[in-house]
């Protein structure tokens, strides 16, 4: 699979190494945004977060869209 961003852009086409969690587009290492997120799980009265953060991969379009979402009113 090729990187979607490379295919629609004007640069060289690279092989995809990951998939955007939000839209499902295949992404190369240049276009892949890797973030860490705290995982939550139901735990009753105990600890509800994991000790290690999880990896989350998104494309530049989804990363940009999430950055511009307004906060709560």
PDB file of N, CA and C in Angstrom:
ATOM      1  N   UNK A   1       0.847  -1.164   0.000  1.00  0.00           N
ATOM      2  CA  UNK A   1       0.000   0.000   0.000  1.00  0.00           C
ATOM      3  C   UNK A   1       0.900   1.237   0.000  1.00  0.00           C
ATOM      4  N   UNK A   2       0.510   2.250  -0.743  1.00  0.00           N
ATOM      5  CA  UNK A   2       1.243   3.513  -0.800  1.00  0.00           C
ATOM      6  C   UNK A   2       0.635   4.523   0.159  1.00  0.00           C
ATOM      7  N   UNK A   3       1.434   5.500   0.558  1.00  0.00           N
ATOM      8  CA  UNK A   3       0.980   6.586   1.417  1.00  0.00           C
ATOM      9  C   UNK A   3      -0.022   7.441   0.650  1.00  0.00           C
ATOM     10  N   UNK A   4      -1.181   7.665   1.224  1.00  0.00           N
ATOM     11  CA  UNK A   4      -2.217   8.460   0.572  1.00  0.00           C
ATOM     12  C   UNK A   4      -1.756   9.898   0.367  1.00  0.00           C
ATOM     13  N   UNK A   5      -1.115  10.492   1.371  1.00  0.00           N
ATOM     14  CA  UNK A   5      -0.670  11.881   1.278  1.00  0.00           C
ATOM     15  C   UNK A   5       0.368  12.054   0.165  1.00  0.00           C
ATOM     16  N   UNK A   6       1.239  11.065  -0.021  1.00  0.00           N
ATOM     17  CA  UNK A   6       2.232  11.123  -1.102  1.00  0.00           C
ATOM     18  C   UNK A   6       1.562  11.018  -2.468  1.00  0.00           C
ATOM     19  N   UNK A   7       0.564  10.159  -2.578  1.00  0.00           N
ATOM     20  CA  UNK A   7      -0.120   9.946  -3.854  1.00  0.00           C
ATOM     21  C   UNK A   7      -0.850  11.209  -4.299  1.00  0.00           C
ATOM     22  N   UNK A   8      -1.526  11.902  -3.376  1.00  0.00           N
ATOM     23  CA  UNK A   8      -2.277  13.103  -3.754  1.00  0.00           C
ATOM     24  C   UNK A   8      -1.403  14.350  -3.775  1.00  0.00           C
ATOM     25  N   UNK A   9      -0.198  14.267  -3.239  1.00  0.00           N
ATOM     26  CA  UNK A   9       0.725  15.405  -3.229  1.00  0.00           C
ATOM     27  C   UNK A   9       1.585  15.440  -4.477  1.00  0.00           C
ATOM     28  N   UNK A  10       2.575  16.324  -4.470  1.00  0.00           N
ATOM     29  CA  UNK A  10       3.422  16.494  -5.648  1.00  0.00           C
ATOM     30  C   UNK A  10       4.809  15.874  -5.461  1.00  0.00           C
ATOM     31  N   UNK A  11       5.015  15.119  -4.412  1.00  0.00           N
ATOM     32  CA  UNK A  11       6.335  14.558  -4.148  1.00  0.00           C
ATOM     33  C   UNK A  11       6.437  13.102  -4.557  1.00  0.00           C
ATOM     34  N   UNK A  12       7.517  12.452  -4.160  1.00  0.00           N
ATOM     35  CA  UNK A  12       7.688  11.034  -4.469  1.00  0.00           C
ATOM     36  C   UNK A  12       6.696  10.179  -3.669  1.00  0.00           C
ATOM     37  N   UNK A  13       6.273   9.066  -4.243  1.00  0.00           N
ATOM     38  CA  UNK A  13       5.329   8.165  -3.579  1.00  0.00           C
ATOM     39  C   UNK A  13       6.113   7.168  -2.740  1.00  0.00           C
ATOM     40  N   UNK A  14       5.765   7.084  -1.457  1.00  0.00           N
ATOM     41  CA  UNK A  14       6.436   6.176  -0.520  1.00  0.00           C
ATOM     42  C   UNK A  14       5.466   5.098  -0.056  1.00  0.00           C
ATOM     43  N   UNK A  15       6.017   4.015   0.447  1.00  0.00           N
ATOM     44  CA  UNK A  15       5.202   2.925   0.991  1.00  0.00           C
ATOM     45  C   UNK A  15       4.612   3.345   2.329  1.00  0.00           C
ATOM     46  N   UNK A  16       3.378   2.941   2.587  1.00  0.00           N
ATOM     47  CA  UNK A  16       2.727   3.218   3.863  1.00  0.00           C
ATOM     48  C   UNK A  16       3.292   2.298   4.936  1.00  0.00           C
ATOM     49  N   UNK A  17       3.495   2.847   6.126  1.00  0.00           N
ATOM     50  CA  UNK A  17       3.992   2.060   7.259  1.00  0.00           C
ATOM     51  C   UNK A  17       2.982   2.042   8.404  1.00  0.00           C
ATOM     52  N   UNK A  18       1.912   2.821   8.276  1.00  0.00           N
ATOM     53  CA  UNK A  18       0.884   2.885   9.312  1.00  0.00           C
ATOM     54  C   UNK A  18      -0.425   3.364   8.717  1.00  0.00           C
ATOM     55  N   UNK A  19      -1.471   3.342   9.550  1.00  0.00           N
ATOM     56  CA  UNK A  19      -2.808   3.733   9.123  1.00  0.00           C
ATOM     57  C   UNK A  19      -3.358   4.752  10.115  1.00  0.00           C
ATOM     58  N   UNK A  20      -3.981   5.816   9.608  1.00  0.00           N
ATOM     59  CA  UNK A  20      -4.587   6.833  10.462  1.00  0.00           C
ATOM     60  C   UNK A  20      -5.724   6.223  11.263  1.00  0.00           C
ATOM     61  N   UNK A  21      -5.721   6.463  12.554  1.00  0.00           N
ATOM     62  CA  UNK A  21      -6.747   5.906  13.437  1.00  0.00           C
ATOM     63  C   UNK A  21      -8.125   6.493  13.143  1.00  0.00           C
ATOM     64  N   UNK A  22      -8.175   7.730  12.662  1.00  0.00           N
ATOM     65  CA  UNK A  22      -9.456   8.396  12.447  1.00  0.00           C
ATOM     66  C   UNK A  22     -10.065   8.133  11.069  1.00  0.00           C
ATOM     67  N   UNK A  23      -9.282   8.300   9.996  1.00  0.00           N
ATOM     68  CA  UNK A  23      -9.850   8.187   8.646  1.00  0.00           C
ATOM     69  C   UNK A  23      -9.428   6.924   7.898  1.00  0.00           C
ATOM     70  N   UNK A  24      -8.405   6.218   8.387  1.00  0.00           N
ATOM     71  CA  UNK A  24      -7.991   4.968   7.761  1.00  0.00           C
ATOM     72  C   UNK A  24      -7.026   5.112   6.589  1.00  0.00           C
ATOM     73  N   UNK A  25      -6.521   6.312   6.337  1.00  0.00           N
ATOM     74  CA  UNK A  25      -5.578   6.508   5.229  1.00  0.00           C
ATOM     75  C   UNK A  25      -4.231   5.870   5.561  1.00  0.00           C
ATOM     76  N   UNK A  26      -3.603   5.222   4.562  1.00  0.00           N
ATOM     77  CA  UNK A  26      -2.263   4.680   4.724  1.00  0.00           C
ATOM     78  C   UNK A  26      -1.254   5.820   4.716  1.00  0.00           C
ATOM     79  N   UNK A  27      -0.223   5.744   5.597  1.00  0.00           N
ATOM     80  CA  UNK A  27       0.722   6.847   5.740  1.00  0.00           C
ATOM     81  C   UNK A  27       2.159   6.364   5.795  1.00  0.00           C
ATOM     82  N   UNK A  28       3.065   7.158   5.182  1.00  0.00           N
ATOM     83  CA  UNK A  28       4.500   6.879   5.254  1.00  0.00           C
ATOM     84  C   UNK A  28       5.062   7.523   6.530  1.00  0.00           C
ATOM     85  N   UNK A  29       6.342   7.313   6.791  1.00  0.00           N
ATOM     86  CA  UNK A  29       6.948   7.865   8.003  1.00  0.00           C
ATOM     87  C   UNK A  29       6.982   9.394   7.991  1.00  0.00           C
ATOM     88  N   UNK A  30       7.008  10.008   6.810  1.00  0.00           N
ATOM     89  CA  UNK A  30       7.028  11.469   6.734  1.00  0.00           C
ATOM     90  C   UNK A  30       5.688  12.086   7.117  1.00  0.00           C
ATOM     91  N   UNK A  31       4.592  11.426   6.774  1.00  0.00           N
ATOM     92  CA  UNK A  31       3.258  11.987   7.006  1.00  0.00           C
ATOM     93  C   UNK A  31       2.571  11.460   8.263  1.00  0.00           C
ATOM     94  N   UNK A  32       3.134  10.513   8.925  1.00  0.00           N
ATOM     95  CA  UNK A  32       2.535   9.896  10.112  1.00  0.00           C
ATOM     96  C   UNK A  32       2.787  10.753  11.350  1.00  0.00           C
ATOM     97  N   UNK A  33       1.743  11.110  12.064  1.00  0.00           N
ATOM     98  CA  UNK A  33       1.851  11.830  13.340  1.00  0.00           C
ATOM     99  C   UNK A  33       1.603  10.826  14.453  1.00  0.00           C
ATOM    100  N   UNK A  34       2.611  10.618  15.292  1.00  0.00           N
ATOM    101  CA  UNK A  34       2.475   9.665  16.396  1.00  0.00           C
ATOM    102  C   UNK A  34       2.326  10.459  17.681  1.00  0.00           C
ATOM    103  N   UNK A  35       1.265  10.158  18.422  1.00  0.00           N
ATOM    104  CA  UNK A  35       0.986  10.810  19.694  1.00  0.00           C
ATOM    105  C   UNK A  35       0.869   9.737  20.768  1.00  0.00           C
ATOM    106  N   UNK A  36       0.976  10.141  22.000  1.00  0.00           N
ATOM    107  CA  UNK A  36       0.714   9.209  23.095  1.00  0.00           C
ATOM    108  C   UNK A  36      -0.548   9.657  23.811  1.00  0.00           C
ATOM    109  N   UNK A  37      -1.344   8.693  24.221  1.00  0.00           N
ATOM    110  CA  UNK A  37      -2.589   8.979  24.931  1.00  0.00           C
ATOM    111  C   UNK A  37      -2.675   8.103  26.170  1.00  0.00           C
ATOM    112  N   UNK A  38      -3.301   8.628  27.195  1.00  0.00           N
ATOM    113  CA  UNK A  38      -3.528   7.873  28.413  1.00  0.00           C
ATOM    114  C   UNK A  38      -4.747   6.975  28.201  1.00  0.00           C
ATOM    115  N   UNK A  39      -4.608   5.701  28.498  1.00  0.00           N
ATOM    116  CA  UNK A  39      -5.693   4.746  28.307  1.00  0.00           C
ATOM    117  C   UNK A  39      -6.549   4.678  29.570  1.00  0.00           C
ATOM    118  N   UNK A  40      -7.865   4.670  29.387  1.00  0.00           N
ATOM    119  CA  UNK A  40      -8.813   4.555  30.497  1.00  0.00           C
ATOM    120  C   UNK A  40      -9.559   3.230  30.371  1.00  0.00           C
ATOM    121  N   UNK A  41      -9.825   2.612  31.499  1.00  0.00           N
ATOM    122  CA  UNK A  41     -10.572   1.356  31.507  1.00  0.00           C
ATOM    123  C   UNK A  41     -11.460   1.339  32.741  1.00  0.00           C
ATOM    124  N   UNK A  42     -12.587   0.654  32.666  1.00  0.00           N
ATOM    125  CA  UNK A  42     -13.449   0.574  33.849  1.00  0.00           C
ATOM    126  C   UNK A  42     -12.762  -0.231  34.950  1.00  0.00           C
ATOM    127  N   UNK A  43     -12.758   0.301  36.160  1.00  0.00           N
ATOM    128  CA  UNK A  43     -12.063  -0.388  37.246  1.00  0.00           C
ATOM    129  C   UNK A  43     -12.795  -0.286  38.577  1.00  0.00           C
ATOM    130  N   UNK A  44     -14.067   0.097  38.557  1.00  0.00           N
ATOM    131  CA  UNK A  44     -14.789   0.217  39.819  1.00  0.00           C
ATOM    132  C   UNK A  44     -14.165   1.301  40.680  1.00  0.00           C
ATOM    133  N   UNK A  45     -13.761   0.932  41.880  1.00  0.00           N
ATOM    134  CA  UNK A  45     -13.163   1.897  42.806  1.00  0.00           C
ATOM    135  C   UNK A  45     -11.637   1.985  42.642  1.00  0.00           C
ATOM    136  N   UNK A  46     -11.050   1.133  41.798  1.00  0.00           N
ATOM    137  CA  UNK A  46      -9.596   1.112  41.632  1.00  0.00           C
ATOM    138  C   UNK A  46      -9.096   2.102  40.599  1.00  0.00           C
ATOM    139  N   UNK A  47      -7.837   1.982  40.283  1.00  0.00           N
ATOM    140  CA  UNK A  47      -7.182   2.836  39.296  1.00  0.00           C
ATOM    141  C   UNK A  47      -7.796   2.598  37.917  1.00  0.00           C
ATOM    142  N   UNK A  48      -8.108   3.670  37.183  1.00  0.00           N
ATOM    143  CA  UNK A  48      -8.773   3.510  35.892  1.00  0.00           C
ATOM    144  C   UNK A  48      -7.887   3.857  34.703  1.00  0.00           C
ATOM    145  N   UNK A  49      -6.614   4.178  34.943  1.00  0.00           N
ATOM    146  CA  UNK A  49      -5.704   4.479  33.840  1.00  0.00           C
ATOM    147  C   UNK A  49      -4.552   3.481  33.847  1.00  0.00           C
ATOM    148  N   UNK A  50      -3.958   3.293  32.669  1.00  0.00           N
ATOM    149  CA  UNK A  50      -2.826   2.376  32.581  1.00  0.00           C
ATOM    150  C   UNK A  50      -1.538   3.114  32.947  1.00  0.00           C
ATOM    151  N   UNK A  51      -0.517   2.372  33.349  1.00  0.00           N
ATOM    152  CA  UNK A  51       0.755   2.979  33.740  1.00  0.00           C
ATOM    153  C   UNK A  51       1.519   3.525  32.534  1.00  0.00           C
ATOM    154  N   UNK A  52       1.431   2.847  31.400  1.00  0.00           N
ATOM    155  CA  UNK A  52       2.141   3.273  30.196  1.00  0.00           C
ATOM    156  C   UNK A  52       1.170   3.898  29.201  1.00  0.00           C
ATOM    157  N   UNK A  53       1.563   4.988  28.539  1.00  0.00           N
ATOM    158  CA  UNK A  53       0.686   5.580  27.533  1.00  0.00           C
ATOM    159  C   UNK A  53       0.638   4.713  26.276  1.00  0.00           C
ATOM    160  N   UNK A  54      -0.473   4.801  25.571  1.00  0.00           N
ATOM    161  CA  UNK A  54      -0.639   4.057  24.319  1.00  0.00           C
ATOM    162  C   UNK A  54      -0.203   4.926  23.152  1.00  0.00           C
ATOM    163  N   UNK A  55       0.100   4.287  22.032  1.00  0.00           N
ATOM    164  CA  UNK A  55       0.488   5.003  20.814  1.00  0.00           C
ATOM    165  C   UNK A  55      -0.761   5.240  19.974  1.00  0.00           C
ATOM    166  N   UNK A  56      -0.855   6.418  19.376  1.00  0.00           N
ATOM    167  CA  UNK A  56      -1.975   6.786  18.515  1.00  0.00           C
ATOM    168  C   UNK A  56      -1.402   7.419  17.267  1.00  0.00           C
ATOM    169  N   UNK A  57      -1.759   6.887  16.099  1.00  0.00           N
ATOM    170  CA  UNK A  57      -1.235   7.394  14.827  1.00  0.00           C
ATOM    171  C   UNK A  57      -2.352   8.063  14.032  1.00  0.00           C
ATOM    172  N   UNK A  58      -2.085   9.292  13.556  1.00  0.00           N
ATOM    173  CA  UNK A  58      -3.060  10.024  12.747  1.00  0.00           C
ATOM    174  C   UNK A  58      -2.364  10.700  11.569  1.00  0.00           C
ATOM    175  N   UNK A  59      -3.147  11.015  10.549  1.00  0.00           N
ATOM    176  CA  UNK A  59      -2.620  11.705   9.367  1.00  0.00           C
ATOM    177  C   UNK A  59      -2.571  13.204   9.639  1.00  0.00           C
ATOM    178  N   UNK A  60      -1.889  13.980   8.797  1.00  0.00           N
ATOM    179  CA  UNK A  60      -1.805  15.427   9.006  1.00  0.00           C
ATOM    180  C   UNK A  60      -3.169  16.121   8.978  1.00  0.00           C
ATOM    181  N   UNK A  61      -4.083  15.652   8.146  1.00  0.00           N
ATOM    182  CA  UNK A  61      -5.403  16.279   8.046  1.00  0.00           C
ATOM    183  C   UNK A  61      -6.187  16.084   9.345  1.00  0.00           C
ATOM    184  N   UNK A  62      -6.209  14.859   9.870  1.00  0.00           N
ATOM    185  CA  UNK A  62      -6.941  14.587  11.102  1.00  0.00           C
ATOM    186  C   UNK A  62      -6.275  15.268  12.298  1.00  0.00           C
ATOM    187  N   UNK A  63      -4.936  15.306  12.334  1.00  0.00           N
ATOM    188  CA  UNK A  63      -4.224  15.989  13.414  1.00  0.00           C
ATOM    189  C   UNK A  63      -4.561  17.472  13.409  1.00  0.00           C
ATOM    190  N   UNK A  64      -4.610  18.085  12.233  1.00  0.00           N
ATOM    191  CA  UNK A  64      -4.936  19.493  12.112  1.00  0.00           C
ATOM    192  C   UNK A  64      -6.385  19.753  12.514  1.00  0.00           C
ATOM    193  N   UNK A  65      -7.293  18.892  12.089  1.00  0.00           N
ATOM    194  CA  UNK A  65      -8.710  19.058  12.432  1.00  0.00           C
ATOM    195  C   UNK A  65      -8.925  18.964  13.938  1.00  0.00           C
ATOM    196  N   UNK A  66      -8.226  18.037  14.587  1.00  0.00           N
ATOM    197  CA  UNK A  66      -8.380  17.870  16.032  1.00  0.00           C
ATOM    198  C   UNK A  66      -7.800  19.060  16.779  1.00  0.00           C
ATOM    199  N   UNK A  67      -6.764  19.685  16.246  1.00  0.00           N
ATOM    200  CA  UNK A  67      -6.137  20.828  16.899  1.00  0.00           C
ATOM    201  C   UNK A  67      -7.013  22.073  16.844  1.00  0.00           C
ATOM    202  N   UNK A  68      -7.931  22.140  15.877  1.00  0.00           N
ATOM    203  CA  UNK A  68      -8.771  23.321  15.721  1.00  0.00           C
ATOM    204  C   UNK A  68     -10.154  23.148  16.328  1.00  0.00           C
ATOM    205  N   UNK A  69     -10.414  22.019  16.986  1.00  0.00           N
ATOM    206  CA  UNK A  69     -11.721  21.799  17.607  1.00  0.00           C
ATOM    207  C   UNK A  69     -11.809  22.702  18.836  1.00  0.00           C
ATOM    208  N   UNK A  70     -12.879  23.525  18.938  1.00  0.00           N
ATOM    209  CA  UNK A  70     -12.994  24.407  20.106  1.00  0.00           C
ATOM    210  C   UNK A  70     -13.259  23.599  21.383  1.00  0.00           C
ATOM    211  N   UNK A  71     -12.847  24.151  22.487  1.00  0.00           N
ATOM    212  CA  UNK A  71     -13.055  23.514  23.784  1.00  0.00           C
ATOM    213  C   UNK A  71     -14.498  23.654  24.245  1.00  0.00           C
ATOM    214  N   UNK A  72     -14.810  23.097  25.421  1.00  0.00           N
ATOM    215  CA  UNK A  72     -16.198  23.192  25.938  1.00  0.00           C
ATOM    216  C   UNK A  72     -16.570  24.640  26.249  1.00  0.00           C
ATOM    217  N   UNK A  73     -17.822  24.921  26.106  1.00  0.00           N
ATOM    218  CA  UNK A  73     -18.328  26.299  26.352  1.00  0.00           C
ATOM    219  C   UNK A  73     -18.664  26.454  27.810  1.00  0.00           C
TER     220      UNK A  73
END
